[in-house]
PDB file of N, CA and C in Angstrom:
ATOM      1  N   UNK A   1     -10.301  -4.781   8.560  1.00  0.00           N
ATOM      2  CA  UNK A   1     -10.123  -3.411   8.112  1.00  0.00           C
ATOM      3  C   UNK A   1      -9.416  -3.399   6.761  1.00  0.00           C
ATOM      4  N   UNK A   2      -9.153  -2.219   6.271  1.00  0.00           N
ATOM      5  CA  UNK A   2      -8.643  -2.065   4.907  1.00  0.00           C
ATOM      6  C   UNK A   2      -7.119  -1.998   4.852  1.00  0.00           C
ATOM      7  N   UNK A   3      -6.602  -2.334   3.668  1.00  0.00           N
ATOM      8  CA  UNK A   3      -5.178  -2.179   3.371  1.00  0.00           C
ATOM      9  C   UNK A   3      -5.051  -0.927   2.515  1.00  0.00           C
ATOM     10  N   UNK A   4      -4.334   0.078   3.039  1.00  0.00           N
ATOM     11  CA  UNK A   4      -4.281   1.407   2.431  1.00  0.00           C
ATOM     12  C   UNK A   4      -2.837   1.781   2.106  1.00  0.00           C
ATOM     13  N   UNK A   5      -2.647   2.349   0.923  1.00  0.00           N
ATOM     14  CA  UNK A   5      -1.343   2.882   0.524  1.00  0.00           C
ATOM     15  C   UNK A   5      -1.373   4.397   0.642  1.00  0.00           C
ATOM     16  N   UNK A   6      -0.374   4.953   1.337  1.00  0.00           N
ATOM     17  CA  UNK A   6      -0.236   6.402   1.487  1.00  0.00           C
ATOM     18  C   UNK A   6       1.031   6.829   0.757  1.00  0.00           C
ATOM     19  N   UNK A   7       0.861   7.740  -0.211  1.00  0.00           N
ATOM     20  CA  UNK A   7       1.989   8.227  -1.013  1.00  0.00           C
ATOM     21  C   UNK A   7       2.102   9.731  -0.795  1.00  0.00           C
ATOM     22  N   UNK A   8       3.183  10.163  -0.175  1.00  0.00           N
ATOM     23  CA  UNK A   8       3.427  11.596   0.055  1.00  0.00           C
ATOM     24  C   UNK A   8       4.913  11.788   0.297  1.00  0.00           C
ATOM     25  N   UNK A   9       5.494  12.789  -0.334  1.00  0.00           N
ATOM     26  CA  UNK A   9       6.928  13.034  -0.187  1.00  0.00           C
ATOM     27  C   UNK A   9       7.272  13.762   1.106  1.00  0.00           C
ATOM     28  N   UNK A  10       6.285  14.292   1.805  1.00  0.00           N
ATOM     29  CA  UNK A  10       6.543  14.967   3.080  1.00  0.00           C
ATOM     30  C   UNK A  10       6.367  13.960   4.216  1.00  0.00           C
ATOM     31  N   UNK A  11       7.493  13.576   4.816  1.00  0.00           N
ATOM     32  CA  UNK A  11       7.491  12.503   5.799  1.00  0.00           C
ATOM     33  C   UNK A  11       6.542  12.773   6.968  1.00  0.00           C
ATOM     34  N   UNK A  12       6.513  13.996   7.475  1.00  0.00           N
ATOM     35  CA  UNK A  12       5.655  14.307   8.612  1.00  0.00           C
ATOM     36  C   UNK A  12       4.181  14.108   8.299  1.00  0.00           C
ATOM     37  N   UNK A  13       3.767  14.536   7.136  1.00  0.00           N
ATOM     38  CA  UNK A  13       2.369  14.361   6.725  1.00  0.00           C
ATOM     39  C   UNK A  13       2.070  12.888   6.514  1.00  0.00           C
ATOM     40  N   UNK A  14       2.979  12.188   5.844  1.00  0.00           N
ATOM     41  CA  UNK A  14       2.798  10.757   5.600  1.00  0.00           C
ATOM     42  C   UNK A  14       2.664   9.996   6.916  1.00  0.00           C
ATOM     43  N   UNK A  15       3.511  10.316   7.881  1.00  0.00           N
ATOM     44  CA  UNK A  15       3.452   9.639   9.174  1.00  0.00           C
ATOM     45  C   UNK A  15       2.166   9.963   9.932  1.00  0.00           C
ATOM     46  N   UNK A  16       1.733  11.216   9.865  1.00  0.00           N
ATOM     47  CA  UNK A  16       0.493  11.597  10.542  1.00  0.00           C
ATOM     48  C   UNK A  16      -0.700  10.847   9.956  1.00  0.00           C
ATOM     49  N   UNK A  17      -0.754  10.748   8.638  1.00  0.00           N
ATOM     50  CA  UNK A  17      -1.835  10.006   7.981  1.00  0.00           C
ATOM     51  C   UNK A  17      -1.772   8.539   8.380  1.00  0.00           C
ATOM     52  N   UNK A  18      -0.590   7.969   8.333  1.00  0.00           N
ATOM     53  CA  UNK A  18      -0.427   6.562   8.684  1.00  0.00           C
ATOM     54  C   UNK A  18      -0.862   6.304  10.120  1.00  0.00           C
ATOM     55  N   UNK A  19      -0.422   7.138  11.058  1.00  0.00           N
ATOM     56  CA  UNK A  19      -0.791   6.964  12.464  1.00  0.00           C
ATOM     57  C   UNK A  19      -2.304   7.044  12.655  1.00  0.00           C
ATOM     58  N   UNK A  20      -2.927   8.010  12.001  1.00  0.00           N
ATOM     59  CA  UNK A  20      -4.375   8.173  12.107  1.00  0.00           C
ATOM     60  C   UNK A  20      -5.096   6.923  11.611  1.00  0.00           C
ATOM     61  N   UNK A  21      -4.695   6.425  10.457  1.00  0.00           N
ATOM     62  CA  UNK A  21      -5.356   5.257   9.876  1.00  0.00           C
ATOM     63  C   UNK A  21      -5.060   3.973  10.639  1.00  0.00           C
ATOM     64  N   UNK A  22      -3.845   3.829  11.127  1.00  0.00           N
ATOM     65  CA  UNK A  22      -3.507   2.649  11.927  1.00  0.00           C
ATOM     66  C   UNK A  22      -4.288   2.650  13.236  1.00  0.00           C
ATOM     67  N   UNK A  23      -4.495   3.816  13.824  1.00  0.00           N
ATOM     68  CA  UNK A  23      -5.306   3.910  15.049  1.00  0.00           C
ATOM     69  C   UNK A  23      -6.753   3.512  14.801  1.00  0.00           C
ATOM     70  N   UNK A  24      -7.200   3.609  13.536  1.00  0.00           N
ATOM     71  CA  UNK A  24      -8.553   3.192  13.162  1.00  0.00           C
ATOM     72  C   UNK A  24      -8.602   1.698  12.822  1.00  0.00           C
ATOM     73  N   UNK A  25      -7.450   1.022  12.873  1.00  0.00           N
ATOM     74  CA  UNK A  25      -7.409  -0.414  12.642  1.00  0.00           C
ATOM     75  C   UNK A  25      -7.010  -0.841  11.241  1.00  0.00           C
ATOM     76  N   UNK A  26      -6.640   0.108  10.393  1.00  0.00           N
ATOM     77  CA  UNK A  26      -6.248  -0.218   9.020  1.00  0.00           C
ATOM     78  C   UNK A  26      -4.790  -0.655   8.950  1.00  0.00           C
ATOM     79  N   UNK A  27      -4.474  -1.442   7.946  1.00  0.00           N
ATOM     80  CA  UNK A  27      -3.098  -1.783   7.616  1.00  0.00           C
ATOM     81  C   UNK A  27      -2.635  -0.745   6.606  1.00  0.00           C
ATOM     82  N   UNK A  28      -1.511  -0.084   6.900  1.00  0.00           N
ATOM     83  CA  UNK A  28      -1.080   1.033   6.063  1.00  0.00           C
ATOM     84  C   UNK A  28       0.334   0.791   5.546  1.00  0.00           C
ATOM     85  N   UNK A  29       0.498   0.949   4.240  1.00  0.00           N
ATOM     86  CA  UNK A  29       1.813   0.899   3.595  1.00  0.00           C
ATOM     87  C   UNK A  29       2.139   2.320   3.146  1.00  0.00           C
ATOM     88  N   UNK A  30       3.426   2.613   3.018  1.00  0.00           N
ATOM     89  CA  UNK A  30       3.819   3.971   2.655  1.00  0.00           C
ATOM     90  C   UNK A  30       4.768   3.992   1.474  1.00  0.00           C
ATOM     91  N   UNK A  31       4.733   5.126   0.772  1.00  0.00           N
ATOM     92  CA  UNK A  31       5.673   5.398  -0.309  1.00  0.00           C
ATOM     93  C   UNK A  31       6.064   6.872  -0.205  1.00  0.00           C
ATOM     94  N   UNK A  32       7.366   7.157  -0.337  1.00  0.00           N
ATOM     95  CA  UNK A  32       7.886   8.509  -0.134  1.00  0.00           C
ATOM     96  C   UNK A  32       7.872   9.362  -1.397  1.00  0.00           C
ATOM     97  N   UNK A  33       7.499   8.771  -2.537  1.00  0.00           N
ATOM     98  CA  UNK A  33       7.395   9.536  -3.785  1.00  0.00           C
ATOM     99  C   UNK A  33       6.564   8.735  -4.778  1.00  0.00           C
ATOM    100  N   UNK A  34       6.293   9.331  -5.912  1.00  0.00           N
ATOM    101  CA  UNK A  34       5.448   8.677  -6.900  1.00  0.00           C
ATOM    102  C   UNK A  34       6.035   7.405  -7.479  1.00  0.00           C
ATOM    103  N   UNK A  35       7.338   7.366  -7.664  1.00  0.00           N
ATOM    104  CA  UNK A  35       7.980   6.158  -8.189  1.00  0.00           C
ATOM    105  C   UNK A  35       7.790   4.995  -7.222  1.00  0.00           C
ATOM    106  N   UNK A  36       8.029   5.242  -5.925  1.00  0.00           N
ATOM    107  CA  UNK A  36       7.819   4.201  -4.918  1.00  0.00           C
ATOM    108  C   UNK A  36       6.347   3.801  -4.853  1.00  0.00           C
ATOM    109  N   UNK A  37       5.470   4.775  -5.040  1.00  0.00           N
ATOM    110  CA  UNK A  37       4.046   4.488  -5.043  1.00  0.00           C
ATOM    111  C   UNK A  37       3.657   3.550  -6.170  1.00  0.00           C
ATOM    112  N   UNK A  38       4.172   3.817  -7.368  1.00  0.00           N
ATOM    113  CA  UNK A  38       3.891   2.931  -8.501  1.00  0.00           C
ATOM    114  C   UNK A  38       4.421   1.528  -8.253  1.00  0.00           C
ATOM    115  N   UNK A  39       5.610   1.436  -7.667  1.00  0.00           N
ATOM    116  CA  UNK A  39       6.175   0.123  -7.370  1.00  0.00           C
ATOM    117  C   UNK A  39       5.298  -0.635  -6.379  1.00  0.00           C
ATOM    118  N   UNK A  40       4.774   0.059  -5.378  1.00  0.00           N
ATOM    119  CA  UNK A  40       3.904  -0.581  -4.391  1.00  0.00           C
ATOM    120  C   UNK A  40       2.606  -1.062  -5.041  1.00  0.00           C
ATOM    121  N   UNK A  41       2.030  -0.223  -5.906  1.00  0.00           N
ATOM    122  CA  UNK A  41       0.782  -0.582  -6.595  1.00  0.00           C
ATOM    123  C   UNK A  41       1.008  -1.784  -7.507  1.00  0.00           C
ATOM    124  N   UNK A  42       2.177  -1.849  -8.103  1.00  0.00           N
ATOM    125  CA  UNK A  42       2.510  -2.967  -8.987  1.00  0.00           C
ATOM    126  C   UNK A  42       2.689  -4.262  -8.197  1.00  0.00           C
ATOM    127  N   UNK A  43       3.211  -4.149  -6.983  1.00  0.00           N
ATOM    128  CA  UNK A  43       3.539  -5.327  -6.180  1.00  0.00           C
ATOM    129  C   UNK A  43       2.365  -5.865  -5.365  1.00  0.00           C
ATOM    130  N   UNK A  44       1.419  -4.996  -4.990  1.00  0.00           N
ATOM    131  CA  UNK A  44       0.354  -5.405  -4.076  1.00  0.00           C
ATOM    132  C   UNK A  44      -0.985  -4.815  -4.495  1.00  0.00           C
ATOM    133  N   UNK A  45      -2.047  -5.421  -3.982  1.00  0.00           N
ATOM    134  CA  UNK A  45      -3.393  -4.879  -4.152  1.00  0.00           C
ATOM    135  C   UNK A  45      -3.763  -4.102  -2.899  1.00  0.00           C
ATOM    136  N   UNK A  46      -4.378  -2.943  -3.083  1.00  0.00           N
ATOM    137  CA  UNK A  46      -4.801  -2.111  -1.961  1.00  0.00           C
ATOM    138  C   UNK A  46      -6.299  -1.867  -2.043  1.00  0.00           C
ATOM    139  N   UNK A  47      -6.904  -1.693  -0.884  1.00  0.00           N
ATOM    140  CA  UNK A  47      -8.329  -1.369  -0.815  1.00  0.00           C
ATOM    141  C   UNK A  47      -8.572   0.112  -1.077  1.00  0.00           C
ATOM    142  N   UNK A  48      -7.529   0.927  -0.861  1.00  0.00           N
ATOM    143  CA  UNK A  48      -7.640   2.379  -1.012  1.00  0.00           C
ATOM    144  C   UNK A  48      -6.243   2.953  -1.197  1.00  0.00           C
ATOM    145  N   UNK A  49      -6.149   3.991  -2.022  1.00  0.00           N
ATOM    146  CA  UNK A  49      -4.876   4.690  -2.226  1.00  0.00           C
ATOM    147  C   UNK A  49      -5.087   6.156  -1.888  1.00  0.00           C
ATOM    148  N   UNK A  50      -4.167   6.704  -1.091  1.00  0.00           N
ATOM    149  CA  UNK A  50      -4.143   8.137  -0.789  1.00  0.00           C
ATOM    150  C   UNK A  50      -2.847   8.673  -1.363  1.00  0.00           C
ATOM    151  N   UNK A  51      -2.959   9.672  -2.244  1.00  0.00           N
ATOM    152  CA  UNK A  51      -1.749  10.207  -2.871  1.00  0.00           C
ATOM    153  C   UNK A  51      -1.734  11.727  -2.841  1.00  0.00           C
ATOM    154  N   UNK A  52      -0.557  12.258  -2.648  1.00  0.00           N
ATOM    155  CA  UNK A  52      -0.322  13.687  -2.788  1.00  0.00           C
ATOM    156  C   UNK A  52      -0.301  14.002  -4.284  1.00  0.00           C
ATOM    157  N   UNK A  53      -0.496  15.263  -4.631  1.00  0.00           N
ATOM    158  CA  UNK A  53      -0.456  15.661  -6.042  1.00  0.00           C
ATOM    159  C   UNK A  53       0.951  15.984  -6.510  1.00  0.00           C
ATOM    160  N   UNK A  54       1.678  16.782  -5.750  1.00  0.00           N
ATOM    161  CA  UNK A  54       2.983  17.275  -6.200  1.00  0.00           C
ATOM    162  C   UNK A  54       4.095  16.558  -5.455  1.00  0.00           C
ATOM    163  N   UNK A  55       4.810  15.690  -6.185  1.00  0.00           N
ATOM    164  CA  UNK A  55       5.899  14.899  -5.612  1.00  0.00           C
ATOM    165  C   UNK A  55       7.001  14.765  -6.648  1.00  0.00           C
ATOM    166  N   UNK A  56       8.205  14.462  -6.186  1.00  0.00           N
ATOM    167  CA  UNK A  56       9.285  14.216  -7.140  1.00  0.00           C
ATOM    168  C   UNK A  56       9.068  12.908  -7.909  1.00  0.00           C
ATOM    169  N   UNK A  57       9.629  12.845  -9.075  1.00  0.00           N
ATOM    170  CA  UNK A  57       9.693  11.670  -9.944  1.00  0.00           C
ATOM    171  C   UNK A  57       8.371  11.353 -10.641  1.00  0.00           C
ATOM    172  N   UNK A  58       7.289  11.201  -9.914  1.00  0.00           N
ATOM    173  CA  UNK A  58       5.975  10.973 -10.505  1.00  0.00           C
ATOM    174  C   UNK A  58       4.970  11.711  -9.633  1.00  0.00           C
ATOM    175  N   UNK A  59       4.002  12.370 -10.269  1.00  0.00           N
ATOM    176  CA  UNK A  59       3.042  13.140  -9.487  1.00  0.00           C
ATOM    177  C   UNK A  59       1.740  12.376  -9.298  1.00  0.00           C
ATOM    178  N   UNK A  60       0.779  13.034  -8.677  1.00  0.00           N
ATOM    179  CA  UNK A  60      -0.507  12.403  -8.399  1.00  0.00           C
ATOM    180  C   UNK A  60      -1.246  11.963  -9.645  1.00  0.00           C
ATOM    181  N   UNK A  61      -1.137  12.733 -10.736  1.00  0.00           N
ATOM    182  CA  UNK A  61      -1.781  12.325 -11.990  1.00  0.00           C
ATOM    183  C   UNK A  61      -1.167  11.026 -12.515  1.00  0.00           C
ATOM    184  N   UNK A  62       0.156  10.897 -12.413  1.00  0.00           N
ATOM    185  CA  UNK A  62       0.821   9.652 -12.815  1.00  0.00           C
ATOM    186  C   UNK A  62       0.316   8.480 -11.983  1.00  0.00           C
ATOM    187  N   UNK A  63       0.202   8.693 -10.684  1.00  0.00           N
ATOM    188  CA  UNK A  63      -0.262   7.638  -9.782  1.00  0.00           C
ATOM    189  C   UNK A  63      -1.690   7.228 -10.123  1.00  0.00           C
ATOM    190  N   UNK A  64      -2.572   8.217 -10.320  1.00  0.00           N
ATOM    191  CA  UNK A  64      -3.968   7.893 -10.636  1.00  0.00           C
ATOM    192  C   UNK A  64      -4.078   7.110 -11.941  1.00  0.00           C
ATOM    193  N   UNK A  65      -3.357   7.533 -12.967  1.00  0.00           N
ATOM    194  CA  UNK A  65      -3.406   6.845 -14.255  1.00  0.00           C
ATOM    195  C   UNK A  65      -2.895   5.409 -14.125  1.00  0.00           C
ATOM    196  N   UNK A  66      -1.800   5.239 -13.411  1.00  0.00           N
ATOM    197  CA  UNK A  66      -1.214   3.915 -13.229  1.00  0.00           C
ATOM    198  C   UNK A  66      -2.147   3.013 -12.430  1.00  0.00           C
ATOM    199  N   UNK A  67      -2.693   3.540 -11.337  1.00  0.00           N
ATOM    200  CA  UNK A  67      -3.592   2.753 -10.491  1.00  0.00           C
ATOM    201  C   UNK A  67      -4.863   2.371 -11.246  1.00  0.00           C
ATOM    202  N   UNK A  68      -5.427   3.298 -12.002  1.00  0.00           N
ATOM    203  CA  UNK A  68      -6.655   3.035 -12.773  1.00  0.00           C
ATOM    204  C   UNK A  68      -6.402   1.984 -13.857  1.00  0.00           C
ATOM    205  N   UNK A  69      -5.224   1.983 -14.448  1.00  0.00           N
ATOM    206  CA  UNK A  69      -4.901   0.993 -15.471  1.00  0.00           C
ATOM    207  C   UNK A  69      -4.814  -0.410 -14.865  1.00  0.00           C
ATOM    208  N   UNK A  70      -4.408  -0.494 -13.614  1.00  0.00           N
ATOM    209  CA  UNK A  70      -4.286  -1.792 -12.944  1.00  0.00           C
ATOM    210  C   UNK A  70      -5.609  -2.267 -12.354  1.00  0.00           C
ATOM    211  N   UNK A  71      -6.377  -1.344 -11.774  1.00  0.00           N
ATOM    212  CA  UNK A  71      -7.634  -1.710 -11.122  1.00  0.00           C
ATOM    213  C   UNK A  71      -8.540  -0.486 -11.122  1.00  0.00           C
ATOM    214  N   UNK A  72      -9.526  -0.497 -11.962  1.00  0.00           N
ATOM    215  CA  UNK A  72     -10.405   0.662 -12.130  1.00  0.00           C
ATOM    216  C   UNK A  72     -11.278   0.948 -10.915  1.00  0.00           C
ATOM    217  N   UNK A  73     -11.424  -0.014 -10.000  1.00  0.00           N
ATOM    218  CA  UNK A  73     -12.357   0.164  -8.892  1.00  0.00           C
ATOM    219  C   UNK A  73     -11.705   0.584  -7.568  1.00  0.00           C
ATOM    220  N   UNK A  74     -10.393   0.559  -7.481  1.00  0.00           N
ATOM    221  CA  UNK A  74      -9.730   0.966  -6.238  1.00  0.00           C
ATOM    222  C   UNK A  74      -9.973   2.452  -5.996  1.00  0.00           C
ATOM    223  N   UNK A  75     -10.575   2.808  -4.856  1.00  0.00           N
ATOM    224  CA  UNK A  75     -10.802   4.230  -4.569  1.00  0.00           C
ATOM    225  C   UNK A  75      -9.469   4.968  -4.384  1.00  0.00           C
ATOM    226  N   UNK A  76      -9.422   6.183  -4.893  1.00  0.00           N
ATOM    227  CA  UNK A  76      -8.238   7.029  -4.770  1.00  0.00           C
ATOM    228  C   UNK A  76      -8.651   8.351  -4.144  1.00  0.00           C
ATOM    229  N   UNK A  77      -7.952   8.719  -3.076  1.00  0.00           N
ATOM    230  CA  UNK A  77      -8.136  10.023  -2.438  1.00  0.00           C
ATOM    231  C   UNK A  77      -6.886  10.841  -2.721  1.00  0.00           C
ATOM    232  N   UNK A  78      -7.074  12.029  -3.270  1.00  0.00           N
ATOM    233  CA  UNK A  78      -5.954  12.915  -3.574  1.00  0.00           C
ATOM    234  C   UNK A  78      -5.910  14.022  -2.523  1.00  0.00           C
ATOM    235  N   UNK A  79      -4.703  14.266  -2.003  1.00  0.00           N
ATOM    236  CA  UNK A  79      -4.492  15.347  -1.046  1.00  0.00           C
ATOM    237  C   UNK A  79      -3.507  16.337  -1.640  1.00  0.00           C
ATOM    238  N   UNK A  80      -3.697  17.618  -1.338  1.00  0.00           N
ATOM    239  CA  UNK A  80      -2.750  18.611  -1.841  1.00  0.00           C
ATOM    240  C   UNK A  80      -2.843  19.897  -1.042  1.00  0.00           C
ATOM    241  N   UNK A  81      -1.704  20.509  -0.881  1.00  0.00           N
ATOM    242  CA  UNK A  81      -1.630  21.843  -0.305  1.00  0.00           C
ATOM    243  C   UNK A  81      -1.201  22.850  -1.351  1.00  0.00           C
ATOM    244  N   UNK A  82      -1.132  22.400  -2.602  1.00  0.00           N
ATOM    245  CA  UNK A  82      -0.680  23.263  -3.680  1.00  0.00           C
ATOM    246  C   UNK A  82       0.795  23.041  -3.950  1.00  0.00           C
ATOM    247  N   UNK A  83       1.283  23.765  -4.926  1.00  0.00           N
ATOM    248  CA  UNK A  83       2.683  23.640  -5.300  1.00  0.00           C
ATOM    249  C   UNK A  83       3.294  25.010  -5.470  1.00  0.00           C
ATOM    250  N   UNK A  84       4.459  25.050  -6.051  1.00  0.00           N
ATOM    251  CA  UNK A  84       5.188  26.301  -6.224  1.00  0.00           C
ATOM    252  C   UNK A  84       4.373  27.311  -7.028  1.00  0.00           C
ATOM    253  N   UNK A  85       3.797  26.861  -8.134  1.00  0.00           N
ATOM    254  CA  UNK A  85       3.086  27.796  -9.004  1.00  0.00           C
ATOM    255  C   UNK A  85       1.581  27.552  -9.058  1.00  0.00           C
ATOM    256  N   UNK A  86       1.107  26.550  -8.330  1.00  0.00           N
ATOM    257  CA  UNK A  86      -0.304  26.184  -8.399  1.00  0.00           C
ATOM    258  C   UNK A  86      -0.931  26.151  -7.015  1.00  0.00           C
ATOM    259  N   UNK A  87      -2.153  26.610  -6.920  1.00  0.00           N
ATOM    260  CA  UNK A  87      -2.855  26.565  -5.645  1.00  0.00           C
ATOM    261  C   UNK A  87      -3.412  25.166  -5.397  1.00  0.00           C
ATOM    262  N   UNK A  88      -3.749  24.894  -4.162  1.00  0.00           N
ATOM    263  CA  UNK A  88      -4.364  23.617  -3.825  1.00  0.00           C
ATOM    264  C   UNK A  88      -5.704  23.474  -4.527  1.00  0.00           C
ATOM    265  N   UNK A  89      -6.469  24.563  -4.605  1.00  0.00           N
ATOM    266  CA  UNK A  89      -7.763  24.505  -5.284  1.00  0.00           C
ATOM    267  C   UNK A  89      -7.611  24.056  -6.732  1.00  0.00           C
ATOM    268  N   UNK A  90      -6.642  24.618  -7.444  1.00  0.00           N
ATOM    269  CA  UNK A  90      -6.427  24.238  -8.839  1.00  0.00           C
ATOM    270  C   UNK A  90      -6.018  22.778  -8.944  1.00  0.00           C
ATOM    271  N   UNK A  91      -5.101  22.367  -8.101  1.00  0.00           N
ATOM    272  CA  UNK A  91      -4.619  20.984  -8.141  1.00  0.00           C
ATOM    273  C   UNK A  91      -5.742  20.001  -7.855  1.00  0.00           C
ATOM    274  N   UNK A  92      -6.547  20.289  -6.852  1.00  0.00           N
ATOM    275  CA  UNK A  92      -7.618  19.371  -6.485  1.00  0.00           C
ATOM    276  C   UNK A  92      -8.750  19.382  -7.510  1.00  0.00           C
ATOM    277  N   UNK A  93      -9.012  20.526  -8.109  1.00  0.00           N
ATOM    278  CA  UNK A  93     -10.031  20.589  -9.155  1.00  0.00           C
ATOM    279  C   UNK A  93      -9.614  19.722 -10.337  1.00  0.00           C
ATOM    280  N   UNK A  94      -8.366  19.778 -10.713  1.00  0.00           N
ATOM    281  CA  UNK A  94      -7.864  18.930 -11.796  1.00  0.00           C
ATOM    282  C   UNK A  94      -7.908  17.450 -11.443  1.00  0.00           C
ATOM    283  N   UNK A  95      -7.690  17.130 -10.184  1.00  0.00           N
ATOM    284  CA  UNK A  95      -7.681  15.735  -9.743  1.00  0.00           C
ATOM    285  C   UNK A  95      -9.071  15.133  -9.663  1.00  0.00           C
ATOM    286  N   UNK A  96     -10.086  15.969  -9.494  1.00  0.00           N
ATOM    287  CA  UNK A  96     -11.449  15.467  -9.305  1.00  0.00           C
ATOM    288  C   UNK A  96     -11.940  14.609 -10.468  1.00  0.00           C
ATOM    289  N   UNK A  97     -11.398  14.815 -11.653  1.00  0.00           N
ATOM    290  CA  UNK A  97     -11.817  14.019 -12.808  1.00  0.00           C
ATOM    291  C   UNK A  97     -11.364  12.561 -12.690  1.00  0.00           C
ATOM    292  N   UNK A  98     -10.345  12.313 -11.885  1.00  0.00           N
ATOM    293  CA  UNK A  98      -9.770  10.971 -11.788  1.00  0.00           C
ATOM    294  C   UNK A  98      -9.888  10.365 -10.398  1.00  0.00           C
ATOM    295  N   UNK A  99      -9.963  11.190  -9.383  1.00  0.00           N
ATOM    296  CA  UNK A  99      -9.996  10.717  -8.002  1.00  0.00           C
ATOM    297  C   UNK A  99     -11.433  10.507  -7.531  1.00  0.00           C
ATOM    298  N   UNK A 100     -11.587   9.664  -6.534  1.00  0.00           N
ATOM    299  CA  UNK A 100     -12.898   9.455  -5.919  1.00  0.00           C
ATOM    300  C   UNK A 100     -13.208  10.555  -4.921  1.00  0.00           C
ATOM    301  N   UNK A 101     -12.157  11.143  -4.324  1.00  0.00           N
ATOM    302  CA  UNK A 101     -12.337  12.216  -3.350  1.00  0.00           C
ATOM    303  C   UNK A 101     -11.049  13.023  -3.273  1.00  0.00           C
ATOM    304  N   UNK A 102     -11.176  14.260  -2.816  1.00  0.00           N
ATOM    305  CA  UNK A 102     -10.012  15.124  -2.621  1.00  0.00           C
ATOM    306  C   UNK A 102     -10.083  15.757  -1.239  1.00  0.00           C
ATOM    307  N   UNK A 103      -8.908  16.028  -0.681  1.00  0.00           N
ATOM    308  CA  UNK A 103      -8.801  16.697   0.616  1.00  0.00           C
ATOM    309  C   UNK A 103      -7.702  17.745   0.513  1.00  0.00           C
ATOM    310  N   UNK A 104      -7.996  18.958   0.937  1.00  0.00           N
ATOM    311  CA  UNK A 104      -6.998  20.025   0.910  1.00  0.00           C
ATOM    312  C   UNK A 104      -6.187  20.033   2.200  1.00  0.00           C
ATOM    313  N   UNK A 105      -4.857  20.110   2.053  1.00  0.00           N
ATOM    314  CA  UNK A 105      -3.964  20.248   3.203  1.00  0.00           C
ATOM    315  C   UNK A 105      -3.986  21.698   3.663  1.00  0.00           C
ATOM    316  N   UNK A 106      -3.854  21.972   4.923  1.00  0.00           N
ATOM    317  CA  UNK A 106      -3.880  21.023   6.036  1.00  0.00           C
ATOM    318  C   UNK A 106      -5.310  20.567   6.313  1.00  0.00           C
ATOM    319  N   UNK A 107      -5.439  19.381   6.892  1.00  0.00           N
ATOM    320  CA  UNK A 107      -6.765  18.859   7.190  1.00  0.00           C
ATOM    321  C   UNK A 107      -6.762  18.220   8.575  1.00  0.00           C
ATOM    322  N   UNK A 108      -7.937  18.103   9.140  1.00  0.00           N
ATOM    323  CA  UNK A 108      -8.101  17.476  10.455  1.00  0.00           C
ATOM    324  C   UNK A 108      -8.213  15.972  10.274  1.00  0.00           C
ATOM    325  N   UNK A 109      -7.766  15.235  11.271  1.00  0.00           N
ATOM    326  CA  UNK A 109      -7.822  13.775  11.190  1.00  0.00           C
ATOM    327  C   UNK A 109      -9.257  13.283  11.033  1.00  0.00           C
ATOM    328  N   UNK A 110     -10.220  14.009  11.594  1.00  0.00           N
ATOM    329  CA  UNK A 110     -11.625  13.608  11.464  1.00  0.00           C
ATOM    330  C   UNK A 110     -12.078  13.641   9.999  1.00  0.00           C
ATOM    331  N   UNK A 111     -11.598  14.625   9.252  1.00  0.00           N
ATOM    332  CA  UNK A 111     -11.935  14.725   7.825  1.00  0.00           C
ATOM    333  C   UNK A 111     -11.327  13.547   7.069  1.00  0.00           C
ATOM    334  N   UNK A 112     -10.092  13.222   7.383  1.00  0.00           N
ATOM    335  CA  UNK A 112      -9.429  12.082   6.743  1.00  0.00           C
ATOM    336  C   UNK A 112     -10.189  10.795   7.031  1.00  0.00           C
ATOM    337  N   UNK A 113     -10.503  10.542   8.290  1.00  0.00           N
ATOM    338  CA  UNK A 113     -11.202   9.314   8.680  1.00  0.00           C
ATOM    339  C   UNK A 113     -12.563   9.226   7.985  1.00  0.00           C
ATOM    340  N   UNK A 114     -13.308  10.323   7.988  1.00  0.00           N
ATOM    341  CA  UNK A 114     -14.627  10.328   7.359  1.00  0.00           C
ATOM    342  C   UNK A 114     -14.521  10.037   5.857  1.00  0.00           C
ATOM    343  N   UNK A 115     -13.578  10.677   5.192  1.00  0.00           N
ATOM    344  CA  UNK A 115     -13.408  10.487   3.753  1.00  0.00           C
ATOM    345  C   UNK A 115     -12.989   9.062   3.441  1.00  0.00           C
ATOM    346  N   UNK A 116     -12.061   8.522   4.213  1.00  0.00           N
ATOM    347  CA  UNK A 116     -11.616   7.138   4.022  1.00  0.00           C
ATOM    348  C   UNK A 116     -12.797   6.182   4.217  1.00  0.00           C
ATOM    349  N   UNK A 117     -13.552   6.359   5.289  1.00  0.00           N
ATOM    350  CA  UNK A 117     -14.687   5.471   5.554  1.00  0.00           C
ATOM    351  C   UNK A 117     -15.730   5.549   4.444  1.00  0.00           C
ATOM    352  N   UNK A 118     -16.012   6.752   3.964  1.00  0.00           N
ATOM    353  CA  UNK A 118     -16.983   6.902   2.867  1.00  0.00           C
ATOM    354  C   UNK A 118     -16.524   6.182   1.609  1.00  0.00           C
ATOM    355  N   UNK A 119     -15.251   6.309   1.281  1.00  0.00           N
ATOM    356  CA  UNK A 119     -14.738   5.670   0.063  1.00  0.00           C
ATOM    357  C   UNK A 119     -14.691   4.149   0.185  1.00  0.00           C
ATOM    358  N   UNK A 120     -14.335   3.660   1.357  1.00  0.00           N
ATOM    359  CA  UNK A 120     -14.318   2.205   1.557  1.00  0.00           C
ATOM    360  C   UNK A 120     -15.729   1.638   1.503  1.00  0.00           C
ATOM    361  N   UNK A 121     -16.697   2.342   2.068  1.00  0.00           N
ATOM    362  CA  UNK A 121     -18.085   1.884   2.016  1.00  0.00           C
ATOM    363  C   UNK A 121     -18.618   1.911   0.588  1.00  0.00           C
ATOM    364  N   UNK A 122     -18.277   2.942  -0.160  1.00  0.00           N
ATOM    365  CA  UNK A 122     -18.736   3.044  -1.550  1.00  0.00           C
ATOM    366  C   UNK A 122     -18.150   1.933  -2.419  1.00  0.00           C
ATOM    367  N   UNK A 123     -16.968   1.477  -2.074  1.00  0.00           N
ATOM    368  CA  UNK A 123     -16.300   0.464  -2.882  1.00  0.00           C
ATOM    369  C   UNK A 123     -16.859  -0.932  -2.647  1.00  0.00           C
ATOM    370  N   UNK A 124     -17.608  -1.123  -1.577  1.00  0.00           N
ATOM    371  CA  UNK A 124     -18.134  -2.469  -1.266  1.00  0.00           C
ATOM    372  C   UNK A 124     -19.308  -2.832  -2.112  1.00  0.00           C
TER     373      UNK A 124
END
């Protein structure tokens, strides 16, 4: 199975994603903010990265740019429920130029699994 990095500052969401993916047989690493996410990407290679858009220290755009500079082929899935002044639709529309896929929060685990499987298959 795949080695996946999950970056989200909301612990409950991060844990739910991790549990879902681990139940599917994936190895999952976590980062609680964008800075930790960049450190993880720098230290290890991942088959897939899932990142939130709005986080402290570094946001989803920072993560995508950093990940693309290191490995242009690693699939990136961006998740967002929006931010203080921005809707989820706006955030995800902006992310589509850099991400392989986007998912709007809240989402069902089936949507997450399907999107992850599609991106991993496309990357092979």
